[in-house]
Amino acid sequence: MNLERPYYAVIFTNTRTDVDKGYAEMAEQMELLAREQPGYLGFESARDGLGISVSYWKDQKSIADWKSQLDHQMAQQQGIKEWYSWYKVRVCLVEREYEFHKEP
């Protein structure tokens, strides 16, 4: 993913409860819905005990609009009630990036 800088990253770090009821389906729905939002630039995630999801956005208004989107708010409430035992959200301005690729 090569994005025009500067852009914003919303880092959602979390630990899950043992409840899995509908989590994967909701996560997929939220990713699809986020893609439709103005200002959305991309998404990456990983889970190995600790979950880390990073969504990329054009500006802070786009982030605020996504946070207040009604279906996303309902998913957030369900996450608090059932799926997460802890989470933290960080909003970061990305001004510089670099990467490495090993040749095969």
PDB file of N, CA and C in Angstrom:
ATOM      1  N   MET A   1       0.854  -1.159   0.000  1.00  0.00           N
ATOM      2  CA  MET A   1       0.000   0.000   0.000  1.00  0.00           C
ATOM      3  C   MET A   1       0.910   1.235   0.000  1.00  0.00           C
ATOM      4  N   ASN A   2       0.772   2.041  -0.998  1.00  0.00           N
ATOM      5  CA  ASN A   2       1.583   3.247  -1.101  1.00  0.00           C
ATOM      6  C   ASN A   2       0.641   4.442  -1.170  1.00  0.00           C
ATOM      7  N   LEU A   3       0.521   5.180  -0.072  1.00  0.00           N
ATOM      8  CA  LEU A   3      -0.448   6.259   0.031  1.00  0.00           C
ATOM      9  C   LEU A   3       0.245   7.612  -0.046  1.00  0.00           C
ATOM     10  N   GLU A   4      -0.466   8.575  -0.591  1.00  0.00           N
ATOM     11  CA  GLU A   4       0.067   9.942  -0.654  1.00  0.00           C
ATOM     12  C   GLU A   4       0.077  10.534   0.748  1.00  0.00           C
ATOM     13  N   ARG A   5       1.227  11.045   1.167  1.00  0.00           N
ATOM     14  CA  ARG A   5       1.376  11.611   2.498  1.00  0.00           C
ATOM     15  C   ARG A   5       1.154  13.109   2.477  1.00  0.00           C
ATOM     16  N   PRO A   6       0.749  13.658   3.593  1.00  0.00           N
ATOM     17  CA  PRO A   6       0.418  12.962   4.843  1.00  0.00           C
ATOM     18  C   PRO A   6      -0.976  12.346   4.784  1.00  0.00           C
ATOM     19  N   TYR A   7      -1.189  11.350   5.608  1.00  0.00           N
ATOM     20  CA  TYR A   7      -2.494  10.721   5.778  1.00  0.00           C
ATOM     21  C   TYR A   7      -2.588  10.281   7.234  1.00  0.00           C
ATOM     22  N   TYR A   8      -3.731   9.778   7.633  1.00  0.00           N
ATOM     23  CA  TYR A   8      -3.946   9.373   9.019  1.00  0.00           C
ATOM     24  C   TYR A   8      -4.098   7.862   9.127  1.00  0.00           C
ATOM     25  N   ALA A   9      -3.619   7.334  10.241  1.00  0.00           N
ATOM     26  CA  ALA A   9      -3.786   5.925  10.577  1.00  0.00           C
ATOM     27  C   ALA A   9      -4.544   5.844  11.896  1.00  0.00           C
ATOM     28  N   VAL A  10      -5.586   5.041  11.923  1.00  0.00           N
ATOM     29  CA  VAL A  10      -6.315   4.755  13.156  1.00  0.00           C
ATOM     30  C   VAL A  10      -5.923   3.333  13.551  1.00  0.00           C
ATOM     31  N   ILE A  11      -5.234   3.226  14.680  1.00  0.00           N
ATOM     32  CA  ILE A  11      -4.729   1.934  15.147  1.00  0.00           C
ATOM     33  C   ILE A  11      -5.638   1.444  16.270  1.00  0.00           C
ATOM     34  N   PHE A  12      -6.291   0.318  16.019  1.00  0.00           N
ATOM     35  CA  PHE A  12      -7.210  -0.286  16.984  1.00  0.00           C
ATOM     36  C   PHE A  12      -6.542  -1.551  17.529  1.00  0.00           C
ATOM     37  N   THR A  13      -6.050  -1.476  18.763  1.00  0.00           N
ATOM     38  CA  THR A  13      -5.377  -2.590  19.416  1.00  0.00           C
ATOM     39  C   THR A  13      -6.354  -3.173  20.434  1.00  0.00           C
ATOM     40  N   ASN A  14      -6.460  -4.515  20.484  1.00  0.00           N
ATOM     41  CA  ASN A  14      -7.484  -5.094  21.347  1.00  0.00           C
ATOM     42  C   ASN A  14      -7.139  -6.501  21.800  1.00  0.00           C
ATOM     43  N   THR A  15      -7.809  -6.905  22.871  1.00  0.00           N
ATOM     44  CA  THR A  15      -7.847  -8.303  23.273  1.00  0.00           C
ATOM     45  C   THR A  15      -9.313  -8.711  23.269  1.00  0.00           C
ATOM     46  N   ARG A  16      -9.539  -9.946  22.866  1.00  0.00           N
ATOM     47  CA  ARG A  16     -10.888 -10.469  22.706  1.00  0.00           C
ATOM     48  C   ARG A  16     -11.337 -11.230  23.939  1.00  0.00           C
ATOM     49  N   THR A  17     -12.649 -11.315  24.110  1.00  0.00           N
ATOM     50  CA  THR A  17     -13.246 -12.211  25.095  1.00  0.00           C
ATOM     51  C   THR A  17     -13.332 -13.600  24.448  1.00  0.00           C
ATOM     52  N   ASP A  18     -13.914 -14.546  25.146  1.00  0.00           N
ATOM     53  CA  ASP A  18     -14.122 -15.877  24.574  1.00  0.00           C
ATOM     54  C   ASP A  18     -15.380 -15.942  23.714  1.00  0.00           C
ATOM     55  N   VAL A  19     -16.165 -14.886  23.694  1.00  0.00           N
ATOM     56  CA  VAL A  19     -17.400 -14.852  22.911  1.00  0.00           C
ATOM     57  C   VAL A  19     -17.051 -14.595  21.450  1.00  0.00           C
ATOM     58  N   ASP A  20     -17.548 -15.460  20.569  1.00  0.00           N
ATOM     59  CA  ASP A  20     -17.241 -15.307  19.145  1.00  0.00           C
ATOM     60  C   ASP A  20     -18.507 -15.077  18.323  1.00  0.00           C
ATOM     61  N   LYS A  21     -19.641 -15.042  18.975  1.00  0.00           N
ATOM     62  CA  LYS A  21     -20.951 -14.971  18.345  1.00  0.00           C
ATOM     63  C   LYS A  21     -21.054 -13.831  17.321  1.00  0.00           C
ATOM     64  N   GLY A  22     -20.838 -14.148  16.037  1.00  0.00           N
ATOM     65  CA  GLY A  22     -21.016 -13.176  14.968  1.00  0.00           C
ATOM     66  C   GLY A  22     -19.855 -12.223  14.745  1.00  0.00           C
ATOM     67  N   TYR A  23     -18.735 -12.427  15.447  1.00  0.00           N
ATOM     68  CA  TYR A  23     -17.616 -11.479  15.352  1.00  0.00           C
ATOM     69  C   TYR A  23     -17.034 -11.404  13.942  1.00  0.00           C
ATOM     70  N   ALA A  24     -16.718 -12.539  13.351  1.00  0.00           N
ATOM     71  CA  ALA A  24     -16.074 -12.551  12.031  1.00  0.00           C
ATOM     72  C   ALA A  24     -16.968 -11.898  10.982  1.00  0.00           C
ATOM     73  N   GLU A  25     -18.252 -12.184  11.038  1.00  0.00           N
ATOM     74  CA  GLU A  25     -19.185 -11.602  10.081  1.00  0.00           C
ATOM     75  C   GLU A  25     -19.267 -10.085  10.237  1.00  0.00           C
ATOM     76  N   MET A  26     -19.315  -9.624  11.489  1.00  0.00           N
ATOM     77  CA  MET A  26     -19.386  -8.188  11.737  1.00  0.00           C
ATOM     78  C   MET A  26     -18.104  -7.495  11.293  1.00  0.00           C
ATOM     79  N   ALA A  27     -16.957  -8.101  11.574  1.00  0.00           N
ATOM     80  CA  ALA A  27     -15.678  -7.515  11.162  1.00  0.00           C
ATOM     81  C   ALA A  27     -15.628  -7.366   9.644  1.00  0.00           C
ATOM     82  N   GLU A  28     -16.089  -8.377   8.939  1.00  0.00           N
ATOM     83  CA  GLU A  28     -16.115  -8.318   7.474  1.00  0.00           C
ATOM     84  C   GLU A  28     -17.072  -7.228   6.985  1.00  0.00           C
ATOM     85  N   GLN A  29     -18.253  -7.143   7.592  1.00  0.00           N
ATOM     86  CA  GLN A  29     -19.224  -6.101   7.217  1.00  0.00           C
ATOM     87  C   GLN A  29     -18.658  -4.707   7.455  1.00  0.00           C
ATOM     88  N   MET A  30     -17.967  -4.523   8.588  1.00  0.00           N
ATOM     89  CA  MET A  30     -17.412  -3.196   8.897  1.00  0.00           C
ATOM     90  C   MET A  30     -16.296  -2.820   7.930  1.00  0.00           C
ATOM     91  N   GLU A  31     -15.483  -3.797   7.532  1.00  0.00           N
ATOM     92  CA  GLU A  31     -14.434  -3.495   6.564  1.00  0.00           C
ATOM     93  C   GLU A  31     -15.043  -3.085   5.218  1.00  0.00           C
ATOM     94  N   LEU A  32     -16.069  -3.795   4.780  1.00  0.00           N
ATOM     95  CA  LEU A  32     -16.737  -3.448   3.525  1.00  0.00           C
ATOM     96  C   LEU A  32     -17.399  -2.074   3.612  1.00  0.00           C
ATOM     97  N   LEU A  33     -18.040  -1.793   4.737  1.00  0.00           N
ATOM     98  CA  LEU A  33     -18.695  -0.504   4.933  1.00  0.00           C
ATOM     99  C   LEU A  33     -17.676   0.636   4.986  1.00  0.00           C
ATOM    100  N   ALA A  34     -16.556   0.407   5.663  1.00  0.00           N
ATOM    101  CA  ALA A  34     -15.509   1.434   5.746  1.00  0.00           C
ATOM    102  C   ALA A  34     -15.010   1.797   4.352  1.00  0.00           C
ATOM    103  N   ARG A  35     -14.867   0.809   3.489  1.00  0.00           N
ATOM    104  CA  ARG A  35     -14.385   1.055   2.121  1.00  0.00           C
ATOM    105  C   ARG A  35     -15.281   2.020   1.352  1.00  0.00           C
ATOM    106  N   GLU A  36     -16.547   2.088   1.734  1.00  0.00           N
ATOM    107  CA  GLU A  36     -17.504   2.966   1.048  1.00  0.00           C
ATOM    108  C   GLU A  36     -17.476   4.401   1.572  1.00  0.00           C
ATOM    109  N   GLN A  37     -16.768   4.640   2.669  1.00  0.00           N
ATOM    110  CA  GLN A  37     -16.777   5.949   3.309  1.00  0.00           C
ATOM    111  C   GLN A  37     -15.836   6.921   2.595  1.00  0.00           C
ATOM    112  N   PRO A  38     -16.282   8.175   2.432  1.00  0.00           N
ATOM    113  CA  PRO A  38     -15.377   9.183   1.860  1.00  0.00           C
ATOM    114  C   PRO A  38     -14.127   9.321   2.717  1.00  0.00           C
ATOM    115  N   GLY A  39     -12.979   9.380   2.071  1.00  0.00           N
ATOM    116  CA  GLY A  39     -11.720   9.552   2.772  1.00  0.00           C
ATOM    117  C   GLY A  39     -11.031   8.265   3.179  1.00  0.00           C
ATOM    118  N   TYR A  40     -11.673   7.112   2.987  1.00  0.00           N
ATOM    119  CA  TYR A  40     -11.062   5.825   3.318  1.00  0.00           C
ATOM    120  C   TYR A  40      -9.936   5.532   2.337  1.00  0.00           C
ATOM    121  N   LEU A  41      -8.790   5.060   2.861  1.00  0.00           N
ATOM    122  CA  LEU A  41      -7.631   4.778   2.007  1.00  0.00           C
ATOM    123  C   LEU A  41      -7.169   3.326   2.047  1.00  0.00           C
ATOM    124  N   GLY A  42      -7.451   2.596   3.139  1.00  0.00           N
ATOM    125  CA  GLY A  42      -7.002   1.213   3.211  1.00  0.00           C
ATOM    126  C   GLY A  42      -7.133   0.633   4.601  1.00  0.00           C
ATOM    127  N   PHE A  43      -6.782  -0.662   4.707  1.00  0.00           N
ATOM    128  CA  PHE A  43      -6.964  -1.390   5.964  1.00  0.00           C
ATOM    129  C   PHE A  43      -5.970  -2.543   6.034  1.00  0.00           C
ATOM    130  N   GLU A  44      -5.405  -2.782   7.231  1.00  0.00           N
ATOM    131  CA  GLU A  44      -4.535  -3.927   7.498  1.00  0.00           C
ATOM    132  C   GLU A  44      -4.856  -4.432   8.900  1.00  0.00           C
ATOM    133  N   SER A  45      -4.729  -5.751   9.112  1.00  0.00           N
ATOM    134  CA  SER A  45      -4.951  -6.261  10.463  1.00  0.00           C
ATOM    135  C   SER A  45      -4.183  -7.556  10.682  1.00  0.00           C
ATOM    136  N   ALA A  46      -3.959  -7.851  11.964  1.00  0.00           N
ATOM    137  CA  ALA A  46      -3.289  -9.086  12.373  1.00  0.00           C
ATOM    138  C   ALA A  46      -3.788  -9.453  13.768  1.00  0.00           C
ATOM    139  N   ARG A  47      -3.803 -10.766  14.038  1.00  0.00           N
ATOM    140  CA  ARG A  47      -4.187 -11.223  15.370  1.00  0.00           C
ATOM    141  C   ARG A  47      -3.345 -12.445  15.722  1.00  0.00           C
ATOM    142  N   ASP A  48      -2.701 -12.352  16.860  1.00  0.00           N
ATOM    143  CA  ASP A  48      -2.000 -13.490  17.450  1.00  0.00           C
ATOM    144  C   ASP A  48      -2.094 -13.293  18.954  1.00  0.00           C
ATOM    145  N   GLY A  49      -3.302 -13.487  19.475  1.00  0.00           N
ATOM    146  CA  GLY A  49      -3.589 -13.126  20.867  1.00  0.00           C
ATOM    147  C   GLY A  49      -4.013 -11.670  20.914  1.00  0.00           C
ATOM    148  N   LEU A  50      -3.069 -10.782  20.669  1.00  0.00           N
ATOM    149  CA  LEU A  50      -3.352  -9.352  20.600  1.00  0.00           C
ATOM    150  C   LEU A  50      -3.793  -9.026  19.176  1.00  0.00           C
ATOM    151  N   GLY A  51      -4.897  -8.307  19.036  1.00  0.00           N
ATOM    152  CA  GLY A  51      -5.368  -7.906  17.716  1.00  0.00           C
ATOM    153  C   GLY A  51      -4.946  -6.482  17.418  1.00  0.00           C
ATOM    154  N   ILE A  52      -4.481  -6.254  16.203  1.00  0.00           N
ATOM    155  CA  ILE A  52      -4.119  -4.914  15.767  1.00  0.00           C
ATOM    156  C   ILE A  52      -4.729  -4.695  14.391  1.00  0.00           C
ATOM    157  N   SER A  53      -5.582  -3.704  14.296  1.00  0.00           N
ATOM    158  CA  SER A  53      -6.185  -3.318  13.028  1.00  0.00           C
ATOM    159  C   SER A  53      -5.847  -1.863  12.771  1.00  0.00           C
ATOM    160  N   VAL A  54      -5.428  -1.578  11.555  1.00  0.00           N
ATOM    161  CA  VAL A  54      -5.064  -0.213  11.194  1.00  0.00           C
ATOM    162  C   VAL A  54      -5.874   0.183   9.968  1.00  0.00           C
ATOM    163  N   SER A  55      -6.637   1.250  10.111  1.00  0.00           N
ATOM    164  CA  SER A  55      -7.335   1.798   8.949  1.00  0.00           C
ATOM    165  C   SER A  55      -6.678   3.127   8.600  1.00  0.00           C
ATOM    166  N   TYR A  56      -6.656   3.432   7.310  1.00  0.00           N
ATOM    167  CA  TYR A  56      -5.977   4.623   6.806  1.00  0.00           C
ATOM    168  C   TYR A  56      -7.005   5.572   6.210  1.00  0.00           C
ATOM    169  N   TRP A  57      -6.825   6.864   6.527  1.00  0.00           N
ATOM    170  CA  TRP A  57      -7.816   7.873   6.166  1.00  0.00           C
ATOM    171  C   TRP A  57      -7.150   9.135   5.639  1.00  0.00           C
ATOM    172  N   LYS A  58      -7.885   9.830   4.789  1.00  0.00           N
ATOM    173  CA  LYS A  58      -7.395  11.066   4.169  1.00  0.00           C
ATOM    174  C   LYS A  58      -7.214  12.188   5.186  1.00  0.00           C
ATOM    175  N   ASP A  59      -8.168  12.311   6.121  1.00  0.00           N
ATOM    176  CA  ASP A  59      -8.138  13.438   7.057  1.00  0.00           C
ATOM    177  C   ASP A  59      -8.930  13.102   8.318  1.00  0.00           C
ATOM    178  N   GLN A  60      -8.864  14.000   9.288  1.00  0.00           N
ATOM    179  CA  GLN A  60      -9.547  13.765  10.563  1.00  0.00           C
ATOM    180  C   GLN A  60     -11.063  13.804  10.423  1.00  0.00           C
ATOM    181  N   LYS A  61     -11.583  14.590   9.502  1.00  0.00           N
ATOM    182  CA  LYS A  61     -13.037  14.620   9.285  1.00  0.00           C
ATOM    183  C   LYS A  61     -13.529  13.246   8.833  1.00  0.00           C
ATOM    184  N   SER A  62     -12.799  12.604   7.936  1.00  0.00           N
ATOM    185  CA  SER A  62     -13.179  11.265   7.472  1.00  0.00           C
ATOM    186  C   SER A  62     -13.209  10.277   8.633  1.00  0.00           C
ATOM    187  N   ILE A  63     -12.247  10.387   9.535  1.00  0.00           N
ATOM    188  CA  ILE A  63     -12.195   9.516  10.714  1.00  0.00           C
ATOM    189  C   ILE A  63     -13.398   9.776  11.617  1.00  0.00           C
ATOM    190  N   ALA A  64     -13.693  11.040  11.869  1.00  0.00           N
ATOM    191  CA  ALA A  64     -14.829  11.391  12.725  1.00  0.00           C
ATOM    192  C   ALA A  64     -16.147  10.921  12.106  1.00  0.00           C
ATOM    193  N   ASP A  65     -16.280  11.072  10.796  1.00  0.00           N
ATOM    194  CA  ASP A  65     -17.499  10.614  10.118  1.00  0.00           C
ATOM    195  C   ASP A  65     -17.647   9.102  10.232  1.00  0.00           C
ATOM    196  N   TRP A  66     -16.552   8.359  10.082  1.00  0.00           N
ATOM    197  CA  TRP A  66     -16.590   6.903  10.217  1.00  0.00           C
ATOM    198  C   TRP A  66     -16.954   6.507  11.639  1.00  0.00           C
ATOM    199  N   LYS A  67     -16.363   7.166  12.625  1.00  0.00           N
ATOM    200  CA  LYS A  67     -16.665   6.850  14.025  1.00  0.00           C
ATOM    201  C   LYS A  67     -18.138   7.059  14.338  1.00  0.00           C
ATOM    202  N   SER A  68     -18.757   8.048  13.711  1.00  0.00           N
ATOM    203  CA  SER A  68     -20.163   8.354  14.001  1.00  0.00           C
ATOM    204  C   SER A  68     -21.144   7.659  13.055  1.00  0.00           C
ATOM    205  N   GLN A  69     -20.649   6.877  12.105  1.00  0.00           N
ATOM    206  CA  GLN A  69     -21.536   6.163  11.187  1.00  0.00           C
ATOM    207  C   GLN A  69     -22.391   5.187  11.996  1.00  0.00           C
ATOM    208  N   LEU A  70     -23.686   5.189  11.769  1.00  0.00           N
ATOM    209  CA  LEU A  70     -24.645   4.473  12.618  1.00  0.00           C
ATOM    210  C   LEU A  70     -24.355   2.971  12.732  1.00  0.00           C
ATOM    211  N   ASP A  71     -24.137   2.272  11.621  1.00  0.00           N
ATOM    212  CA  ASP A  71     -23.859   0.834  11.689  1.00  0.00           C
ATOM    213  C   ASP A  71     -22.546   0.569  12.423  1.00  0.00           C
ATOM    214  N   HIS A  72     -21.571   1.443  12.223  1.00  0.00           N
ATOM    215  CA  HIS A  72     -20.285   1.302  12.924  1.00  0.00           C
ATOM    216  C   HIS A  72     -20.480   1.522  14.424  1.00  0.00           C
ATOM    217  N   GLN A  73     -21.311   2.483  14.811  1.00  0.00           N
ATOM    218  CA  GLN A  73     -21.582   2.703  16.236  1.00  0.00           C
ATOM    219  C   GLN A  73     -22.239   1.478  16.864  1.00  0.00           C
ATOM    220  N   MET A  74     -23.163   0.852  16.148  1.00  0.00           N
ATOM    221  CA  MET A  74     -23.822  -0.356  16.673  1.00  0.00           C
ATOM    222  C   MET A  74     -22.800  -1.480  16.842  1.00  0.00           C
ATOM    223  N   ALA A  75     -21.875  -1.632  15.882  1.00  0.00           N
ATOM    224  CA  ALA A  75     -20.829  -2.650  15.985  1.00  0.00           C
ATOM    225  C   ALA A  75     -19.909  -2.349  17.174  1.00  0.00           C
ATOM    226  N   GLN A  76     -19.590  -1.071  17.385  1.00  0.00           N
ATOM    227  CA  GLN A  76     -18.752  -0.693  18.520  1.00  0.00           C
ATOM    228  C   GLN A  76     -19.415  -1.096  19.834  1.00  0.00           C
ATOM    229  N   GLN A  77     -20.701  -0.819  19.960  1.00  0.00           N
ATOM    230  CA  GLN A  77     -21.410  -1.170  21.195  1.00  0.00           C
ATOM    231  C   GLN A  77     -21.456  -2.678  21.413  1.00  0.00           C
ATOM    232  N   GLN A  78     -21.665  -3.432  20.333  1.00  0.00           N
ATOM    233  CA  GLN A  78     -21.669  -4.885  20.463  1.00  0.00           C
ATOM    234  C   GLN A  78     -20.273  -5.378  20.851  1.00  0.00           C
ATOM    235  N   GLY A  79     -19.236  -4.752  20.308  1.00  0.00           N
ATOM    236  CA  GLY A  79     -17.870  -5.112  20.668  1.00  0.00           C
ATOM    237  C   GLY A  79     -17.603  -4.899  22.145  1.00  0.00           C
ATOM    238  N   ILE A  80     -18.048  -3.768  22.672  1.00  0.00           N
ATOM    239  CA  ILE A  80     -17.872  -3.471  24.100  1.00  0.00           C
ATOM    240  C   ILE A  80     -18.637  -4.476  24.952  1.00  0.00           C
ATOM    241  N   LYS A  81     -19.833  -4.802  24.518  1.00  0.00           N
ATOM    242  CA  LYS A  81     -20.699  -5.701  25.288  1.00  0.00           C
ATOM    243  C   LYS A  81     -20.224  -7.157  25.248  1.00  0.00           C
ATOM    244  N   GLU A  82     -19.719  -7.617  24.084  1.00  0.00           N
ATOM    245  CA  GLU A  82     -19.476  -9.048  23.926  1.00  0.00           C
ATOM    246  C   GLU A  82     -18.056  -9.443  23.539  1.00  0.00           C
ATOM    247  N   TRP A  83     -17.405  -8.729  22.613  1.00  0.00           N
ATOM    248  CA  TRP A  83     -16.223  -9.272  21.946  1.00  0.00           C
ATOM    249  C   TRP A  83     -14.886  -8.840  22.520  1.00  0.00           C
ATOM    250  N   TYR A  84     -14.816  -7.677  23.156  1.00  0.00           N
ATOM    251  CA  TYR A  84     -13.524  -7.161  23.605  1.00  0.00           C
ATOM    252  C   TYR A  84     -13.447  -7.096  25.126  1.00  0.00           C
ATOM    253  N   SER A  85     -12.319  -7.529  25.670  1.00  0.00           N
ATOM    254  CA  SER A  85     -12.075  -7.342  27.093  1.00  0.00           C
ATOM    255  C   SER A  85     -11.265  -6.065  27.319  1.00  0.00           C
ATOM    256  N   TRP A  86     -10.599  -5.596  26.277  1.00  0.00           N
ATOM    257  CA  TRP A  86      -9.813  -4.356  26.340  1.00  0.00           C
ATOM    258  C   TRP A  86      -9.562  -3.874  24.924  1.00  0.00           C
ATOM    259  N   TYR A  87      -9.541  -2.567  24.750  1.00  0.00           N
ATOM    260  CA  TYR A  87      -9.056  -2.012  23.487  1.00  0.00           C
ATOM    261  C   TYR A  87      -8.527  -0.603  23.696  1.00  0.00           C
ATOM    262  N   LYS A  88      -7.711  -0.186  22.733  1.00  0.00           N
ATOM    263  CA  LYS A  88      -7.183   1.173  22.698  1.00  0.00           C
ATOM    264  C   LYS A  88      -7.200   1.618  21.240  1.00  0.00           C
ATOM    265  N   VAL A  89      -7.563   2.888  21.035  1.00  0.00           N
ATOM    266  CA  VAL A  89      -7.565   3.473  19.700  1.00  0.00           C
ATOM    267  C   VAL A  89      -6.553   4.614  19.684  1.00  0.00           C
ATOM    268  N   ARG A  90      -5.712   4.610  18.680  1.00  0.00           N
ATOM    269  CA  ARG A  90      -4.738   5.682  18.488  1.00  0.00           C
ATOM    270  C   ARG A  90      -4.961   6.280  17.105  1.00  0.00           C
ATOM    271  N   VAL A  91      -4.961   7.593  17.018  1.00  0.00           N
ATOM    272  CA  VAL A  91      -5.090   8.281  15.736  1.00  0.00           C
ATOM    273  C   VAL A  91      -3.764   8.989  15.480  1.00  0.00           C
ATOM    274  N   CYS A  92      -3.132   8.652  14.361  1.00  0.00           N
ATOM    275  CA  CYS A  92      -1.777   9.131  14.081  1.00  0.00           C
ATOM    276  C   CYS A  92      -1.702   9.794  12.710  1.00  0.00           C
ATOM    277  N   LEU A  93      -0.941  10.843  12.624  1.00  0.00           N
ATOM    278  CA  LEU A  93      -0.638  11.474  11.345  1.00  0.00           C
ATOM    279  C   LEU A  93       0.619  10.811  10.793  1.00  0.00           C
ATOM    280  N   VAL A  94       0.528  10.271   9.588  1.00  0.00           N
ATOM    281  CA  VAL A  94       1.674   9.625   8.945  1.00  0.00           C
ATOM    282  C   VAL A  94       2.298  10.625   7.985  1.00  0.00           C
ATOM    283  N   GLU A  95       3.512  11.025   8.310  1.00  0.00           N
ATOM    284  CA  GLU A  95       4.228  11.990   7.479  1.00  0.00           C
ATOM    285  C   GLU A  95       5.332  11.339   6.664  1.00  0.00           C
ATOM    286  N   ARG A  96       5.777  10.169   7.105  1.00  0.00           N
ATOM    287  CA  ARG A  96       6.883   9.491   6.453  1.00  0.00           C
ATOM    288  C   ARG A  96       6.665   7.998   6.588  1.00  0.00           C
ATOM    289  N   GLU A  97       7.123   7.237   5.595  1.00  0.00           N
ATOM    290  CA  GLU A  97       7.043   5.782   5.651  1.00  0.00           C
ATOM    291  C   GLU A  97       8.157   5.201   4.804  1.00  0.00           C
ATOM    292  N   TYR A  98       8.508   3.957   5.077  1.00  0.00           N
ATOM    293  CA  TYR A  98       9.460   3.243   4.239  1.00  0.00           C
ATOM    294  C   TYR A  98       9.169   1.759   4.387  1.00  0.00           C
ATOM    295  N   GLU A  99       9.656   0.949   3.470  1.00  0.00           N
ATOM    296  CA  GLU A  99       9.406  -0.484   3.519  1.00  0.00           C
ATOM    297  C   GLU A  99      10.580  -1.253   2.915  1.00  0.00           C
ATOM    298  N   PHE A 100      10.573  -2.549   3.101  1.00  0.00           N
ATOM    299  CA  PHE A 100      11.610  -3.444   2.613  1.00  0.00           C
ATOM    300  C   PHE A 100      10.938  -4.614   1.904  1.00  0.00           C
ATOM    301  N   HIS A 101      11.487  -5.040   0.792  1.00  0.00           N
ATOM    302  CA  HIS A 101      11.034  -6.241   0.088  1.00  0.00           C
ATOM    303  C   HIS A 101      12.253  -7.098  -0.219  1.00  0.00           C
ATOM    304  N   LYS A 102      12.254  -8.327   0.226  1.00  0.00           N
ATOM    305  CA  LYS A 102      13.347  -9.256  -0.085  1.00  0.00           C
ATOM    306  C   LYS A 102      13.064  -9.868  -1.454  1.00  0.00           C
ATOM    307  N   GLU A 103      14.051  -9.835  -2.301  1.00  0.00           N
ATOM    308  CA  GLU A 103      13.901 -10.444  -3.630  1.00  0.00           C
ATOM    309  C   GLU A 103      13.866 -11.966  -3.490  1.00  0.00           C
ATOM    310  N   PRO A 104      13.010 -12.638  -4.244  1.00  0.00           N
ATOM    311  CA  PRO A 104      12.915 -14.113  -4.151  1.00  0.00           C
ATOM    312  C   PRO A 104      14.175 -14.818  -4.650  1.00  0.00           C
TER     313      PRO A 104
END
